[in-house]
Amino acid sequence: MSDTMRAVGYRRNLPVSDPESLVDMTVPVPVPGPYDLLVRVRAVSVNPVDVKRRAGVTAGPDGQILGYDAAGVVERVGEAVTLFQPGDEVWYAGAVQRSGTNAELHLVDERIVGRKPATLDFAEAAALPLTSLTAWESLFERLRLTASSTGTLVVVGAAGGVGSILVPLARQLTSLEVIGTASRPESRDWVLARGANRVVGHDELPEGVDYVFTAHSTGMVDEFARILKPYGEIVAIDDPAGLDIKALKAKSITWHWELMFTRPRLEPESRAQHQILTEVASLVDKGVLSTTMTRHLEGINAANLRVAHQAVESGTTIGKIVLEGF
């Protein structure tokens, strides 16, 4: 194996229209720690966190490699690894405190990795890990839903990456009525195809709901207070500036935050995300869930990643954008 590898990263915080906002790099091949897998990356997808970090997190002197979704093949393992071995096909969402997946070879702690679904190719699989973990933790840990949970769930931003997998998870694994929000005809069709009971416009939220999942919270607190029943619950994944939730107090409404990077950062010994990805892979292989890939770009390189970042920044993407192959 060569001592160096290809990767894509950034050195300065620049608009994505700038050719230097993401650049091709040659970097050293990393060495696995005790619990690490060295994965040969076959496909990655792009998430809003990639865009946020490229625009707002200062890179180190050697630049910063992004990427928080990957599907690939285990090349080497650390001395304490027990869950995987070289040759295994895996998928995972990574951790923000480590170098990203936009590289030929990537280090990841085995405890946040799952076996890739056998029924998906690498590109189809790479669309799902981060959003599946976010959706699973939102539904079954933050909201504590079960198979017997009833009532109504409104999914704000249902055609986005997380909404696209959260809708079928909620429909298949709970007894909730699931209402998605979407504005364009193609977004509405996508959300219905993912299993939503119905779709409404962003300004048509129904009253008397039990739960809200939101990927778009700015300016929505008063609306959530209006539509939720007393003691309702909200789980949010975005970063609304100047958030004021006082309007929720009169109904004793609960606001939950969900960040799937909390576990890798603060509970590094937890195997919970390994277990979630294992369960999601099983649901995929049983035909209960499917990939959310809607756009495939051939080649993990700076030019294609700029295209993908620009699309995510537009806020109009449906499902996930995947890049495959170096």
Protein backbone atom coordinates (compact mmCIF):
# COMPACT_ATOMS: atom_id res chain seq x y z
CA MET A 1 0.00 0.00 0.00
CA SER A 2 1.23 3.49 -0.82
CA ASP A 3 2.09 5.86 2.03
CA THR A 4 -0.14 8.57 0.51
CA MET A 5 -3.71 8.77 -0.74
CA ARG A 6 -6.06 11.07 -2.59
CA ALA A 7 -8.54 13.18 -0.64
CA VAL A 8 -10.72 16.28 -0.99
CA GLY A 9 -10.74 19.09 1.56
CA TYR A 10 -10.51 22.81 2.14
CA ARG A 11 -7.88 25.22 3.47
CA ARG A 12 -9.93 28.42 3.64
CA ASN A 13 -13.60 29.19 4.27
CA LEU A 14 -14.76 30.26 0.82
CA PRO A 15 -18.06 30.36 -1.11
CA VAL A 16 -18.68 27.11 -2.94
CA SER A 17 -18.55 29.03 -6.25
CA ASP A 18 -14.82 29.61 -5.61
CA PRO A 19 -12.66 26.84 -7.17
CA GLU A 20 -10.51 26.88 -4.01
CA SER A 21 -13.48 26.20 -1.69
CA LEU A 22 -12.82 22.46 -2.08
CA VAL A 23 -9.57 21.15 -3.50
CA ASP A 24 -8.00 17.82 -4.39
CA MET A 25 -5.21 16.83 -1.99
CA THR A 26 -2.57 14.16 -1.51
CA VAL A 27 -2.23 13.24 2.17
CA PRO A 28 -0.57 10.51 4.28
CA VAL A 29 -2.44 7.24 4.81
CA PRO A 30 -3.59 7.20 8.46
CA VAL A 31 -2.61 4.45 10.91
CA PRO A 32 -5.42 2.66 12.80
CA GLY A 33 -5.72 3.10 16.55
CA PRO A 34 -6.80 0.19 18.80
CA TYR A 35 -10.54 0.32 17.91
CA ASP A 36 -10.15 1.73 14.39
CA LEU A 37 -11.01 0.33 11.02
CA LEU A 38 -9.06 1.57 8.01
CA VAL A 39 -11.77 1.61 5.34
CA ARG A 40 -11.22 1.88 1.60
CA VAL A 41 -13.98 4.31 0.73
CA ARG A 42 -16.11 3.36 -2.25
CA ALA A 43 -18.89 5.96 -2.00
CA VAL A 44 -19.85 9.00 0.10
CA SER A 45 -22.86 11.30 0.37
CA VAL A 46 -23.11 14.98 1.24
CA ASN A 47 -25.01 16.37 4.22
CA PRO A 48 -25.75 19.90 5.48
CA VAL A 49 -23.03 19.43 8.13
CA ASP A 50 -20.44 19.28 5.32
CA VAL A 51 -21.62 22.63 4.01
CA LYS A 52 -21.71 24.24 7.47
CA ARG A 53 -18.22 23.11 8.39
CA ARG A 54 -16.71 24.10 5.04
CA ALA A 55 -18.16 27.57 5.41
CA GLY A 56 -17.56 28.16 9.12
CA VAL A 57 -14.90 25.91 10.68
CA THR A 58 -11.28 27.03 10.31
CA ALA A 59 -9.06 24.38 8.75
CA GLY A 60 -5.78 23.32 10.30
CA PRO A 61 -2.40 24.05 8.69
CA ASP A 62 -2.68 20.94 6.50
CA GLY A 63 -6.28 21.59 5.51
CA GLN A 64 -9.48 19.83 6.57
CA ILE A 65 -11.04 16.76 4.95
CA LEU A 66 -14.85 16.68 5.14
CA GLY A 67 -17.36 13.85 4.76
CA TYR A 68 -19.65 12.12 7.27
CA ASP A 69 -21.21 9.28 5.31
CA ALA A 70 -19.38 6.40 3.70
CA ALA A 71 -19.70 2.88 2.39
CA GLY A 72 -16.57 0.86 1.73
CA VAL A 73 -14.42 -2.16 2.49
CA VAL A 74 -12.31 -2.75 5.59
CA GLU A 75 -8.61 -2.71 4.67
CA ARG A 76 -6.95 -2.99 8.09
CA VAL A 77 -8.10 -3.21 11.72
CA GLY A 78 -6.72 -2.01 15.06
CA GLU A 79 -5.47 -4.41 17.69
CA ALA A 80 -8.63 -4.19 19.85
CA VAL A 81 -11.16 -4.56 17.00
CA THR A 82 -13.62 -7.45 17.44
CA LEU A 83 -16.62 -6.58 15.26
CA PHE A 84 -15.03 -6.56 11.80
CA GLN A 85 -12.16 -7.96 9.78
CA PRO A 86 -10.42 -7.03 6.51
CA GLY A 87 -12.69 -7.57 3.53
CA ASP A 88 -15.93 -6.70 5.32
CA GLU A 89 -18.26 -4.30 3.52
CA VAL A 90 -19.34 -1.55 5.93
CA TRP A 91 -21.29 1.70 6.20
CA TYR A 92 -21.17 4.50 8.76
CA ALA A 93 -21.58 8.23 9.44
CA GLY A 94 -18.25 9.05 11.13
CA ALA A 95 -17.50 11.66 13.77
CA VAL A 96 -16.96 15.43 13.55
CA GLN A 97 -13.85 15.33 15.74
CA ARG A 98 -11.98 13.17 13.20
CA SER A 99 -10.87 13.59 9.60
CA GLY A 100 -13.67 13.01 7.10
CA THR A 101 -14.64 10.36 4.60
CA ASN A 102 -13.76 12.26 1.40
CA ALA A 103 -10.55 10.25 1.14
CA GLU A 104 -9.44 6.98 -0.43
CA LEU A 105 -8.78 5.48 3.02
CA HIS A 106 -10.54 6.53 6.20
CA LEU A 107 -10.21 5.76 9.91
CA VAL A 108 -13.38 5.12 11.90
CA ASP A 109 -14.08 3.60 15.30
CA GLU A 110 -15.66 0.17 14.82
CA ARG A 111 -18.28 0.93 17.48
CA ILE A 112 -20.10 3.39 15.18
CA VAL A 113 -19.91 1.15 12.08
CA GLY A 114 -22.41 -1.36 10.69
CA ARG A 115 -22.27 -4.01 8.01
CA LYS A 116 -23.45 -2.66 4.66
CA PRO A 117 -26.85 -3.96 3.54
CA ALA A 118 -26.27 -6.84 1.16
CA THR A 119 -29.06 -5.70 -1.14
CA LEU A 120 -27.59 -2.23 -1.78
CA ASP A 121 -24.54 -1.32 -3.81
CA PHE A 122 -21.97 1.03 -2.28
CA ALA A 123 -23.53 4.20 -3.72
CA GLU A 124 -27.05 3.29 -2.60
CA ALA A 125 -25.75 2.45 0.87
CA ALA A 126 -23.72 5.65 1.28
CA ALA A 127 -26.92 7.72 1.15
CA LEU A 128 -28.28 6.35 4.42
CA PRO A 129 -26.05 6.16 7.53
CA LEU A 130 -26.12 9.72 8.93
CA THR A 131 -29.78 10.31 8.14
CA SER A 132 -30.84 6.87 9.39
CA LEU A 133 -29.04 7.40 12.70
CA THR A 134 -30.56 10.87 13.05
CA ALA A 135 -34.05 9.62 12.24
CA TRP A 136 -33.77 6.56 14.51
CA GLU A 137 -32.48 8.54 17.48
CA SER A 138 -35.15 11.21 16.92
CA LEU A 139 -38.04 8.76 16.84
CA PHE A 140 -37.02 6.04 19.26
CA GLU A 141 -34.72 7.83 21.71
CA ARG A 142 -35.73 11.49 21.81
CA LEU A 143 -39.49 10.91 21.34
CA ARG A 144 -39.37 7.37 22.81
CA LEU A 145 -41.84 6.02 20.25
CA THR A 146 -42.65 2.31 19.98
CA ALA A 147 -44.56 0.01 17.66
CA SER A 148 -47.75 0.75 19.59
CA SER A 149 -47.35 4.55 19.58
CA THR A 150 -50.39 6.28 18.08
CA GLY A 151 -51.28 9.87 17.28
CA THR A 152 -50.01 12.21 14.60
CA LEU A 153 -46.45 13.13 13.62
CA VAL A 154 -45.74 16.14 11.40
CA VAL A 155 -42.41 15.95 9.56
CA VAL A 156 -41.26 19.43 8.54
CA GLY A 157 -38.90 19.13 5.58
CA ALA A 158 -40.02 15.61 4.72
CA ALA A 159 -38.33 15.51 1.30
CA GLY A 160 -34.87 16.25 2.71
CA GLY A 161 -32.23 13.71 3.62
CA VAL A 162 -33.43 12.93 7.15
CA GLY A 163 -37.13 13.29 6.35
CA SER A 164 -36.77 10.84 3.47
CA ILE A 165 -35.81 8.01 5.83
CA LEU A 166 -37.68 9.20 8.93
CA VAL A 167 -41.05 9.02 7.15
CA PRO A 168 -40.77 5.31 6.24
CA LEU A 169 -39.23 4.47 9.63
CA ALA A 170 -42.18 6.08 11.41
CA ARG A 171 -44.72 4.45 9.10
CA GLN A 172 -43.18 0.98 9.32
CA LEU A 173 -42.17 0.84 12.99
CA THR A 174 -44.92 2.84 14.75
CA SER A 175 -48.71 3.19 14.51
CA LEU A 176 -48.59 6.95 13.93
CA GLU A 177 -50.28 8.94 11.21
CA VAL A 178 -47.37 10.61 9.41
CA ILE A 179 -47.90 13.97 7.71
CA GLY A 180 -45.03 15.39 5.68
CA THR A 181 -44.51 18.97 4.55
CA ALA A 182 -43.38 19.76 1.01
CA SER A 183 -43.99 22.60 -1.41
CA ARG A 184 -43.05 21.53 -4.94
CA PRO A 185 -44.98 18.83 -6.84
CA GLU A 186 -41.88 16.64 -7.16
CA SER A 187 -41.21 16.94 -3.41
CA ARG A 188 -44.81 16.04 -2.58
CA ASP A 189 -44.67 12.99 -4.85
CA TRP A 190 -41.40 11.87 -3.25
CA VAL A 191 -42.78 12.16 0.30
CA LEU A 192 -45.91 10.22 -0.59
CA ALA A 193 -43.77 7.55 -2.24
CA ARG A 194 -41.77 7.26 0.99
CA GLY A 195 -44.97 6.31 2.79
CA ALA A 196 -46.44 9.49 4.29
CA ASN A 197 -50.18 9.28 4.96
CA ARG A 198 -50.53 12.73 3.45
CA VAL A 199 -48.53 15.80 2.46
CA VAL A 200 -49.30 19.43 3.23
CA GLY A 201 -47.67 22.74 2.35
CA HIS A 202 -45.28 24.36 4.80
CA ASP A 203 -48.00 26.95 5.57
CA GLU A 204 -50.80 24.37 5.93
CA LEU A 205 -49.82 22.56 9.13
CA PRO A 206 -52.81 20.82 10.73
CA GLU A 207 -53.84 21.43 14.33
CA GLY A 208 -54.09 18.82 17.09
CA VAL A 209 -50.89 16.89 16.43
CA ASP A 210 -48.88 14.98 19.00
CA TYR A 211 -45.34 15.19 17.65
CA VAL A 212 -43.28 17.39 15.33
CA PHE A 213 -39.97 16.52 13.72
CA THR A 214 -38.36 19.60 12.19
CA ALA A 215 -35.40 20.22 9.96
CA HIS A 216 -36.47 23.87 9.51
CA SER A 217 -37.29 25.63 12.80
CA THR A 218 -36.51 29.29 12.14
CA GLY A 219 -39.63 31.36 12.73
CA MET A 220 -41.73 28.26 13.42
CA VAL A 221 -42.03 28.16 17.22
CA ASP A 222 -45.35 30.03 17.36
CA GLU A 223 -46.72 27.75 14.64
CA PHE A 224 -45.60 24.65 16.53
CA ALA A 225 -47.22 26.00 19.69
CA ARG A 226 -50.46 26.46 17.74
CA ILE A 227 -50.65 23.01 16.12
CA LEU A 228 -49.42 20.80 18.95
CA LYS A 229 -51.71 19.33 21.59
CA PRO A 230 -50.95 20.04 25.25
CA TYR A 231 -47.86 18.05 26.34
CA GLY A 232 -46.83 17.57 22.71
CA GLU A 233 -43.20 17.07 21.73
CA ILE A 234 -40.83 18.52 19.14
CA VAL A 235 -37.48 17.16 17.99
CA ALA A 236 -35.26 19.53 15.99
CA ILE A 237 -32.04 18.91 14.06
CA ASP A 238 -31.24 22.38 12.71
CA ASP A 239 -29.53 25.43 14.24
CA PRO A 240 -32.10 28.24 14.43
CA ALA A 241 -30.49 31.51 15.45
CA GLY A 242 -31.92 33.36 18.45
CA LEU A 243 -34.33 30.57 19.33
CA ASP A 244 -37.05 31.62 21.80
CA ILE A 245 -39.33 28.76 22.92
CA LYS A 246 -41.43 30.61 25.53
CA ALA A 247 -44.52 30.16 23.34
CA LEU A 248 -44.39 26.43 24.10
CA LYS A 249 -44.76 26.85 27.86
CA ALA A 250 -48.54 27.37 28.02
CA LYS A 251 -49.10 23.85 26.63
CA SER A 252 -46.12 22.29 28.47
CA ILE A 253 -44.63 21.30 25.11
CA THR A 254 -41.23 19.58 25.16
CA TRP A 255 -38.39 20.61 22.83
CA HIS A 256 -35.74 17.95 22.09
CA TRP A 257 -32.44 18.43 20.26
CA GLU A 258 -31.07 15.61 18.13
CA LEU A 259 -27.44 15.45 17.01
CA MET A 260 -26.19 12.04 15.94
CA PHE A 261 -22.59 13.15 16.57
CA THR A 262 -23.23 13.36 20.33
CA ARG A 263 -22.50 9.66 20.85
CA PRO A 264 -19.23 9.48 18.89
CA ARG A 265 -17.99 12.62 20.64
CA LEU A 266 -19.18 12.09 24.23
CA GLU A 267 -19.82 8.35 24.53
CA PRO A 268 -17.00 6.80 22.50
CA GLU A 269 -17.38 3.39 24.16
CA SER A 270 -21.06 3.07 23.20
CA ARG A 271 -21.99 0.50 20.56
CA ALA A 272 -25.49 1.93 20.15
CA GLN A 273 -24.86 3.33 16.66
CA HIS A 274 -23.32 0.04 15.54
CA GLN A 275 -26.53 -1.64 16.71
CA ILE A 276 -28.79 0.92 15.00
CA LEU A 277 -26.96 0.61 11.68
CA THR A 278 -27.14 -3.19 11.99
CA GLU A 279 -30.91 -2.99 12.50
CA VAL A 280 -31.39 -0.52 9.64
CA ALA A 281 -29.35 -2.79 7.33
CA SER A 282 -31.61 -5.68 8.29
CA LEU A 283 -34.71 -3.60 7.50
CA VAL A 284 -33.21 -2.66 4.13
CA ASP A 285 -32.41 -6.27 3.29
CA LYS A 286 -35.98 -7.28 4.24
CA GLY A 287 -37.36 -4.66 1.85
CA VAL A 288 -38.86 -2.54 4.64
CA LEU A 289 -36.57 0.44 3.88
CA SER A 290 -34.86 1.55 0.68
CA THR A 291 -32.09 3.90 -0.37
CA THR A 292 -32.77 7.64 -0.46
CA MET A 293 -30.18 8.30 -3.19
CA THR A 294 -31.67 10.57 -5.85
CA ARG A 295 -28.52 11.79 -7.60
CA HIS A 296 -25.30 9.91 -8.39
CA LEU A 297 -22.03 11.60 -9.35
CA GLU A 298 -19.20 9.47 -10.72
CA GLY A 299 -15.94 10.38 -8.97
CA ILE A 300 -15.12 11.59 -5.46
CA ASN A 301 -13.21 14.73 -6.40
CA ALA A 302 -13.24 18.44 -5.67
CA ALA A 303 -15.22 19.40 -8.78
CA ASN A 304 -18.05 16.95 -8.03
CA LEU A 305 -18.10 17.80 -4.35
CA ARG A 306 -18.47 21.50 -5.18
CA VAL A 307 -21.48 20.58 -7.32
CA ALA A 308 -22.96 18.56 -4.45
CA HIS A 309 -22.27 21.25 -1.84
CA GLN A 310 -23.89 23.87 -4.06
CA ALA A 311 -26.99 21.68 -4.45
CA VAL A 312 -27.27 21.11 -0.69
CA GLU A 313 -26.81 24.85 -0.04
CA SER A 314 -29.72 25.58 -2.37
CA GLY A 315 -32.13 23.93 0.08
CA THR A 316 -34.05 22.32 -2.77
CA THR A 317 -32.52 18.85 -2.87
CA ILE A 318 -34.73 15.79 -2.56
CA GLY A 319 -33.22 12.75 -0.85
CA LYS A 320 -29.43 12.42 -0.99
CA ILE A 321 -26.59 13.18 -3.42
CA VAL A 322 -23.96 10.41 -3.62
CA LEU A 323 -20.46 10.39 -5.10
CA GLU A 324 -18.75 7.13 -6.00
CA GLY A 325 -15.17 6.11 -6.77
CA PHE A 326 -11.76 7.81 -6.75
